[in-house]
């Protein structure tokens, strides 16, 4: 299975993405859904959320 390709690989996060992350997390979206919506890896999304104290639901 091929790995997903992320357009924003190693690119800094911008304010719009941070806002979208906060909105999606507040709606109860899972990490995988948020990462896909932002075209970011799950690892990058998780790290950014942790650094900015944004709670994301754990996997079921």
PDB file of N, CA and C in Angstrom:
ATOM      1  N   UNK A   1       0.847  -1.189   0.000  1.00  0.00           N
ATOM      2  CA  UNK A   1       0.000   0.000   0.000  1.00  0.00           C
ATOM      3  C   UNK A   1       0.887   1.245   0.000  1.00  0.00           C
ATOM      4  N   UNK A   2       0.616   2.145  -0.873  1.00  0.00           N
ATOM      5  CA  UNK A   2       1.421   3.366  -0.987  1.00  0.00           C
ATOM      6  C   UNK A   2       1.070   4.341   0.127  1.00  0.00           C
ATOM      7  N   UNK A   3       2.062   5.090   0.553  1.00  0.00           N
ATOM      8  CA  UNK A   3       1.832   6.111   1.584  1.00  0.00           C
ATOM      9  C   UNK A   3       1.104   7.293   0.966  1.00  0.00           C
ATOM     10  N   UNK A   4       0.341   7.982   1.817  1.00  0.00           N
ATOM     11  CA  UNK A   4      -0.347   9.191   1.359  1.00  0.00           C
ATOM     12  C   UNK A   4       0.693  10.253   1.021  1.00  0.00           C
ATOM     13  N   UNK A   5       0.366  11.091   0.073  1.00  0.00           N
ATOM     14  CA  UNK A   5       1.238  12.200  -0.319  1.00  0.00           C
ATOM     15  C   UNK A   5       0.663  13.475   0.295  1.00  0.00           C
ATOM     16  N   UNK A   6       1.485  14.206   0.990  1.00  0.00           N
ATOM     17  CA  UNK A   6       1.030  15.415   1.658  1.00  0.00           C
ATOM     18  C   UNK A   6       1.663  16.627   0.998  1.00  0.00           C
ATOM     19  N   UNK A   7       0.839  17.496   0.470  1.00  0.00           N
ATOM     20  CA  UNK A   7       1.307  18.696  -0.218  1.00  0.00           C
ATOM     21  C   UNK A   7       2.053  19.639   0.718  1.00  0.00           C
ATOM     22  N   UNK A   8       1.698  19.628   1.994  1.00  0.00           N
ATOM     23  CA  UNK A   8       2.264  20.580   2.952  1.00  0.00           C
ATOM     24  C   UNK A   8       3.421  19.982   3.738  1.00  0.00           C
ATOM     25  N   UNK A   9       4.065  18.969   3.225  1.00  0.00           N
ATOM     26  CA  UNK A   9       5.153  18.289   3.923  1.00  0.00           C
ATOM     27  C   UNK A   9       6.255  19.268   4.335  1.00  0.00           C
ATOM     28  N   UNK A  10       6.529  19.307   5.633  1.00  0.00           N
ATOM     29  CA  UNK A  10       7.582  20.144   6.220  1.00  0.00           C
ATOM     30  C   UNK A  10       7.372  21.643   6.022  1.00  0.00           C
ATOM     31  N   UNK A  11       6.158  22.037   5.723  1.00  0.00           N
ATOM     32  CA  UNK A  11       5.837  23.450   5.582  1.00  0.00           C
ATOM     33  C   UNK A  11       5.323  23.974   6.918  1.00  0.00           C
ATOM     34  N   UNK A  12       5.615  25.223   7.262  1.00  0.00           N
ATOM     35  CA  UNK A  12       5.111  25.772   8.533  1.00  0.00           C
ATOM     36  C   UNK A  12       3.588  25.882   8.510  1.00  0.00           C
ATOM     37  N   UNK A  13       2.997  25.766   9.685  1.00  0.00           N
ATOM     38  CA  UNK A  13       1.553  25.921   9.830  1.00  0.00           C
ATOM     39  C   UNK A  13       1.206  27.404   9.751  1.00  0.00           C
ATOM     40  N   UNK A  14       0.079  27.718   9.127  1.00  0.00           N
ATOM     41  CA  UNK A  14      -0.358  29.111   9.082  1.00  0.00           C
ATOM     42  C   UNK A  14      -1.601  29.278   9.970  1.00  0.00           C
ATOM     43  N   UNK A  15      -2.012  30.506  10.160  1.00  0.00           N
ATOM     44  CA  UNK A  15      -3.140  30.809  11.039  1.00  0.00           C
ATOM     45  C   UNK A  15      -4.445  30.171  10.592  1.00  0.00           C
ATOM     46  N   UNK A  16      -4.658  30.109   9.294  1.00  0.00           N
ATOM     47  CA  UNK A  16      -5.890  29.515   8.763  1.00  0.00           C
ATOM     48  C   UNK A  16      -5.951  28.021   9.104  1.00  0.00           C
ATOM     49  N   UNK A  17      -4.822  27.326   8.927  1.00  0.00           N
ATOM     50  CA  UNK A  17      -4.780  25.895   9.257  1.00  0.00           C
ATOM     51  C   UNK A  17      -4.983  25.669  10.753  1.00  0.00           C
ATOM     52  N   UNK A  18      -4.368  26.515  11.567  1.00  0.00           N
ATOM     53  CA  UNK A  18      -4.515  26.388  13.019  1.00  0.00           C
ATOM     54  C   UNK A  18      -5.979  26.586  13.419  1.00  0.00           C
ATOM     55  N   UNK A  19      -6.634  27.558  12.814  1.00  0.00           N
ATOM     56  CA  UNK A  19      -8.045  27.806  13.094  1.00  0.00           C
ATOM     57  C   UNK A  19      -8.914  26.641  12.672  1.00  0.00           C
ATOM     58  N   UNK A  20      -8.626  26.091  11.507  1.00  0.00           N
ATOM     59  CA  UNK A  20      -9.381  24.940  11.009  1.00  0.00           C
ATOM     60  C   UNK A  20      -9.179  23.733  11.924  1.00  0.00           C
ATOM     61  N   UNK A  21      -7.955  23.537  12.395  1.00  0.00           N
ATOM     62  CA  UNK A  21      -7.663  22.444  13.334  1.00  0.00           C
ATOM     63  C   UNK A  21      -8.502  22.600  14.601  1.00  0.00           C
ATOM     64  N   UNK A  22      -8.542  23.819  15.129  1.00  0.00           N
ATOM     65  CA  UNK A  22      -9.330  24.075  16.351  1.00  0.00           C
ATOM     66  C   UNK A  22     -10.821  23.783  16.122  1.00  0.00           C
ATOM     67  N   UNK A  23     -11.338  24.208  14.985  1.00  0.00           N
ATOM     68  CA  UNK A  23     -12.750  23.994  14.666  1.00  0.00           C
ATOM     69  C   UNK A  23     -13.053  22.498  14.546  1.00  0.00           C
ATOM     70  N   UNK A  24     -12.239  21.782  13.799  1.00  0.00           N
ATOM     71  CA  UNK A  24     -12.476  20.348  13.593  1.00  0.00           C
ATOM     72  C   UNK A  24     -12.342  19.567  14.898  1.00  0.00           C
ATOM     73  N   UNK A  25     -11.369  19.932  15.714  1.00  0.00           N
ATOM     74  CA  UNK A  25     -11.181  19.261  17.003  1.00  0.00           C
ATOM     75  C   UNK A  25     -12.376  19.529  17.916  1.00  0.00           C
ATOM     76  N   UNK A  26     -12.878  20.760  17.897  1.00  0.00           N
ATOM     77  CA  UNK A  26     -14.037  21.118  18.725  1.00  0.00           C
ATOM     78  C   UNK A  26     -15.292  20.369  18.287  1.00  0.00           C
ATOM     79  N   UNK A  27     -15.361  20.031  17.002  1.00  0.00           N
ATOM     80  CA  UNK A  27     -16.507  19.273  16.483  1.00  0.00           C
ATOM     81  C   UNK A  27     -16.388  17.785  16.796  1.00  0.00           C
ATOM     82  N   UNK A  28     -15.272  17.384  17.407  1.00  0.00           N
ATOM     83  CA  UNK A  28     -15.101  15.982  17.788  1.00  0.00           C
ATOM     84  C   UNK A  28     -14.551  15.091  16.695  1.00  0.00           C
ATOM     85  N   UNK A  29     -13.921  15.697  15.696  1.00  0.00           N
ATOM     86  CA  UNK A  29     -13.329  14.897  14.616  1.00  0.00           C
ATOM     87  C   UNK A  29     -12.093  14.155  15.130  1.00  0.00           C
ATOM     88  N   UNK A  30     -11.813  13.030  14.560  1.00  0.00           N
ATOM     89  CA  UNK A  30     -10.657  12.215  14.927  1.00  0.00           C
ATOM     90  C   UNK A  30      -9.401  12.736  14.214  1.00  0.00           C
ATOM     91  N   UNK A  31      -8.252  12.355  14.737  1.00  0.00           N
ATOM     92  CA  UNK A  31      -6.962  12.793  14.206  1.00  0.00           C
ATOM     93  C   UNK A  31      -6.847  12.517  12.706  1.00  0.00           C
ATOM     94  N   UNK A  32      -7.195  11.319  12.295  1.00  0.00           N
ATOM     95  CA  UNK A  32      -7.067  10.953  10.884  1.00  0.00           C
ATOM     96  C   UNK A  32      -7.924  11.857   9.994  1.00  0.00           C
ATOM     97  N   UNK A  33      -9.139  12.148  10.433  1.00  0.00           N
ATOM     98  CA  UNK A  33     -10.032  13.016   9.659  1.00  0.00           C
ATOM     99  C   UNK A  33      -9.476  14.434   9.562  1.00  0.00           C
ATOM    100  N   UNK A  34      -8.971  14.931  10.679  1.00  0.00           N
ATOM    101  CA  UNK A  34      -8.425  16.293  10.705  1.00  0.00           C
ATOM    102  C   UNK A  34      -7.198  16.395   9.802  1.00  0.00           C
ATOM    103  N   UNK A  35      -6.295  15.435   9.925  1.00  0.00           N
ATOM    104  CA  UNK A  35      -5.076  15.447   9.115  1.00  0.00           C
ATOM    105  C   UNK A  35      -5.409  15.424   7.628  1.00  0.00           C
ATOM    106  N   UNK A  36      -6.357  14.595   7.247  1.00  0.00           N
ATOM    107  CA  UNK A  36      -6.753  14.509   5.837  1.00  0.00           C
ATOM    108  C   UNK A  36      -7.367  15.820   5.353  1.00  0.00           C
ATOM    109  N   UNK A  37      -8.203  16.431   6.182  1.00  0.00           N
ATOM    110  CA  UNK A  37      -8.848  17.698   5.810  1.00  0.00           C
ATOM    111  C   UNK A  37      -7.826  18.814   5.627  1.00  0.00           C
ATOM    112  N   UNK A  38      -6.749  18.766   6.404  1.00  0.00           N
ATOM    113  CA  UNK A  38      -5.717  19.802   6.331  1.00  0.00           C
ATOM    114  C   UNK A  38      -4.579  19.443   5.376  1.00  0.00           C
ATOM    115  N   UNK A  39      -4.659  18.252   4.790  1.00  0.00           N
ATOM    116  CA  UNK A  39      -3.609  17.741   3.899  1.00  0.00           C
ATOM    117  C   UNK A  39      -2.262  17.709   4.615  1.00  0.00           C
ATOM    118  N   UNK A  40      -2.298  17.251   5.866  1.00  0.00           N
ATOM    119  CA  UNK A  40      -1.116  17.115   6.711  1.00  0.00           C
ATOM    120  C   UNK A  40      -1.018  15.675   7.177  1.00  0.00           C
ATOM    121  N   UNK A  41       0.162  15.261   7.613  1.00  0.00           N
ATOM    122  CA  UNK A  41       0.306  13.922   8.178  1.00  0.00           C
ATOM    123  C   UNK A  41      -0.326  13.894   9.565  1.00  0.00           C
ATOM    124  N   UNK A  42      -0.685  12.705  10.010  1.00  0.00           N
ATOM    125  CA  UNK A  42      -1.245  12.572  11.354  1.00  0.00           C
ATOM    126  C   UNK A  42      -0.215  12.999  12.394  1.00  0.00           C
ATOM    127  N   UNK A  43       1.033  12.655  12.176  1.00  0.00           N
ATOM    128  CA  UNK A  43       2.104  13.006  13.118  1.00  0.00           C
ATOM    129  C   UNK A  43       2.265  14.518  13.240  1.00  0.00           C
ATOM    130  N   UNK A  44       2.284  15.205  12.112  1.00  0.00           N
ATOM    131  CA  UNK A  44       2.411  16.660  12.121  1.00  0.00           C
ATOM    132  C   UNK A  44       1.217  17.303  12.816  1.00  0.00           C
ATOM    133  N   UNK A  45       0.029  16.806  12.511  1.00  0.00           N
ATOM    134  CA  UNK A  45      -1.196  17.343  13.111  1.00  0.00           C
ATOM    135  C   UNK A  45      -1.199  17.131  14.613  1.00  0.00           C
ATOM    136  N   UNK A  46      -0.828  15.930  15.033  1.00  0.00           N
ATOM    137  CA  UNK A  46      -0.788  15.607  16.463  1.00  0.00           C
ATOM    138  C   UNK A  46       0.235  16.475  17.192  1.00  0.00           C
ATOM    139  N   UNK A  47       1.415  16.633  16.607  1.00  0.00           N
ATOM    140  CA  UNK A  47       2.466  17.450  17.224  1.00  0.00           C
ATOM    141  C   UNK A  47       2.040  18.913  17.353  1.00  0.00           C
ATOM    142  N   UNK A  48       1.455  19.452  16.289  1.00  0.00           N
ATOM    143  CA  UNK A  48       1.024  20.848  16.317  1.00  0.00           C
ATOM    144  C   UNK A  48      -0.073  21.048  17.360  1.00  0.00           C
ATOM    145  N   UNK A  49      -1.022  20.124  17.407  1.00  0.00           N
ATOM    146  CA  UNK A  49      -2.112  20.220  18.389  1.00  0.00           C
ATOM    147  C   UNK A  49      -1.560  20.161  19.812  1.00  0.00           C
ATOM    148  N   UNK A  50      -0.615  19.283  20.045  1.00  0.00           N
ATOM    149  CA  UNK A  50      -0.030  19.148  21.381  1.00  0.00           C
ATOM    150  C   UNK A  50       0.695  20.428  21.785  1.00  0.00           C
ATOM    151  N   UNK A  51       1.485  20.983  20.884  1.00  0.00           N
ATOM    152  CA  UNK A  51       2.229  22.214  21.166  1.00  0.00           C
ATOM    153  C   UNK A  51       1.301  23.384  21.464  1.00  0.00           C
ATOM    154  N   UNK A  52       0.117  23.366  20.854  1.00  0.00           N
ATOM    155  CA  UNK A  52      -0.833  24.468  21.003  1.00  0.00           C
ATOM    156  C   UNK A  52      -1.993  24.132  21.936  1.00  0.00           C
ATOM    157  N   UNK A  53      -1.840  23.028  22.664  1.00  0.00           N
ATOM    158  CA  UNK A  53      -2.832  22.610  23.677  1.00  0.00           C
ATOM    159  C   UNK A  53      -4.232  22.493  23.092  1.00  0.00           C
ATOM    160  N   UNK A  54      -4.320  21.835  21.924  1.00  0.00           N
ATOM    161  CA  UNK A  54      -5.603  21.575  21.272  1.00  0.00           C
ATOM    162  C   UNK A  54      -5.897  20.096  21.473  1.00  0.00           C
ATOM    163  N   UNK A  55      -6.996  19.781  22.136  1.00  0.00           N
ATOM    164  CA  UNK A  55      -7.350  18.394  22.416  1.00  0.00           C
ATOM    165  C   UNK A  55      -8.010  17.765  21.191  1.00  0.00           C
ATOM    166  N   UNK A  56      -7.482  16.602  20.809  1.00  0.00           N
ATOM    167  CA  UNK A  56      -8.049  15.831  19.698  1.00  0.00           C
ATOM    168  C   UNK A  56      -8.463  14.473  20.258  1.00  0.00           C
ATOM    169  N   UNK A  57      -9.640  13.998  19.848  1.00  0.00           N
ATOM    170  CA  UNK A  57     -10.119  12.711  20.329  1.00  0.00           C
ATOM    171  C   UNK A  57      -9.164  11.592  19.930  1.00  0.00           C
ATOM    172  N   UNK A  58      -9.036  10.637  20.814  1.00  0.00           N
ATOM    173  CA  UNK A  58      -8.200   9.463  20.539  1.00  0.00           C
ATOM    174  C   UNK A  58      -8.937   8.526  19.610  1.00  0.00           C
ATOM    175  N   UNK A  59      -8.183   7.607  18.998  1.00  0.00           N
ATOM    176  CA  UNK A  59      -8.797   6.585  18.134  1.00  0.00           C
ATOM    177  C   UNK A  59      -9.660   5.673  18.992  1.00  0.00           C
ATOM    178  N   UNK A  60     -10.681   5.099  18.380  1.00  0.00           N
ATOM    179  CA  UNK A  60     -11.562   4.185  19.110  1.00  0.00           C
ATOM    180  C   UNK A  60     -10.918   2.864  19.318  1.00  0.00           C
TER     181      UNK A  60
END
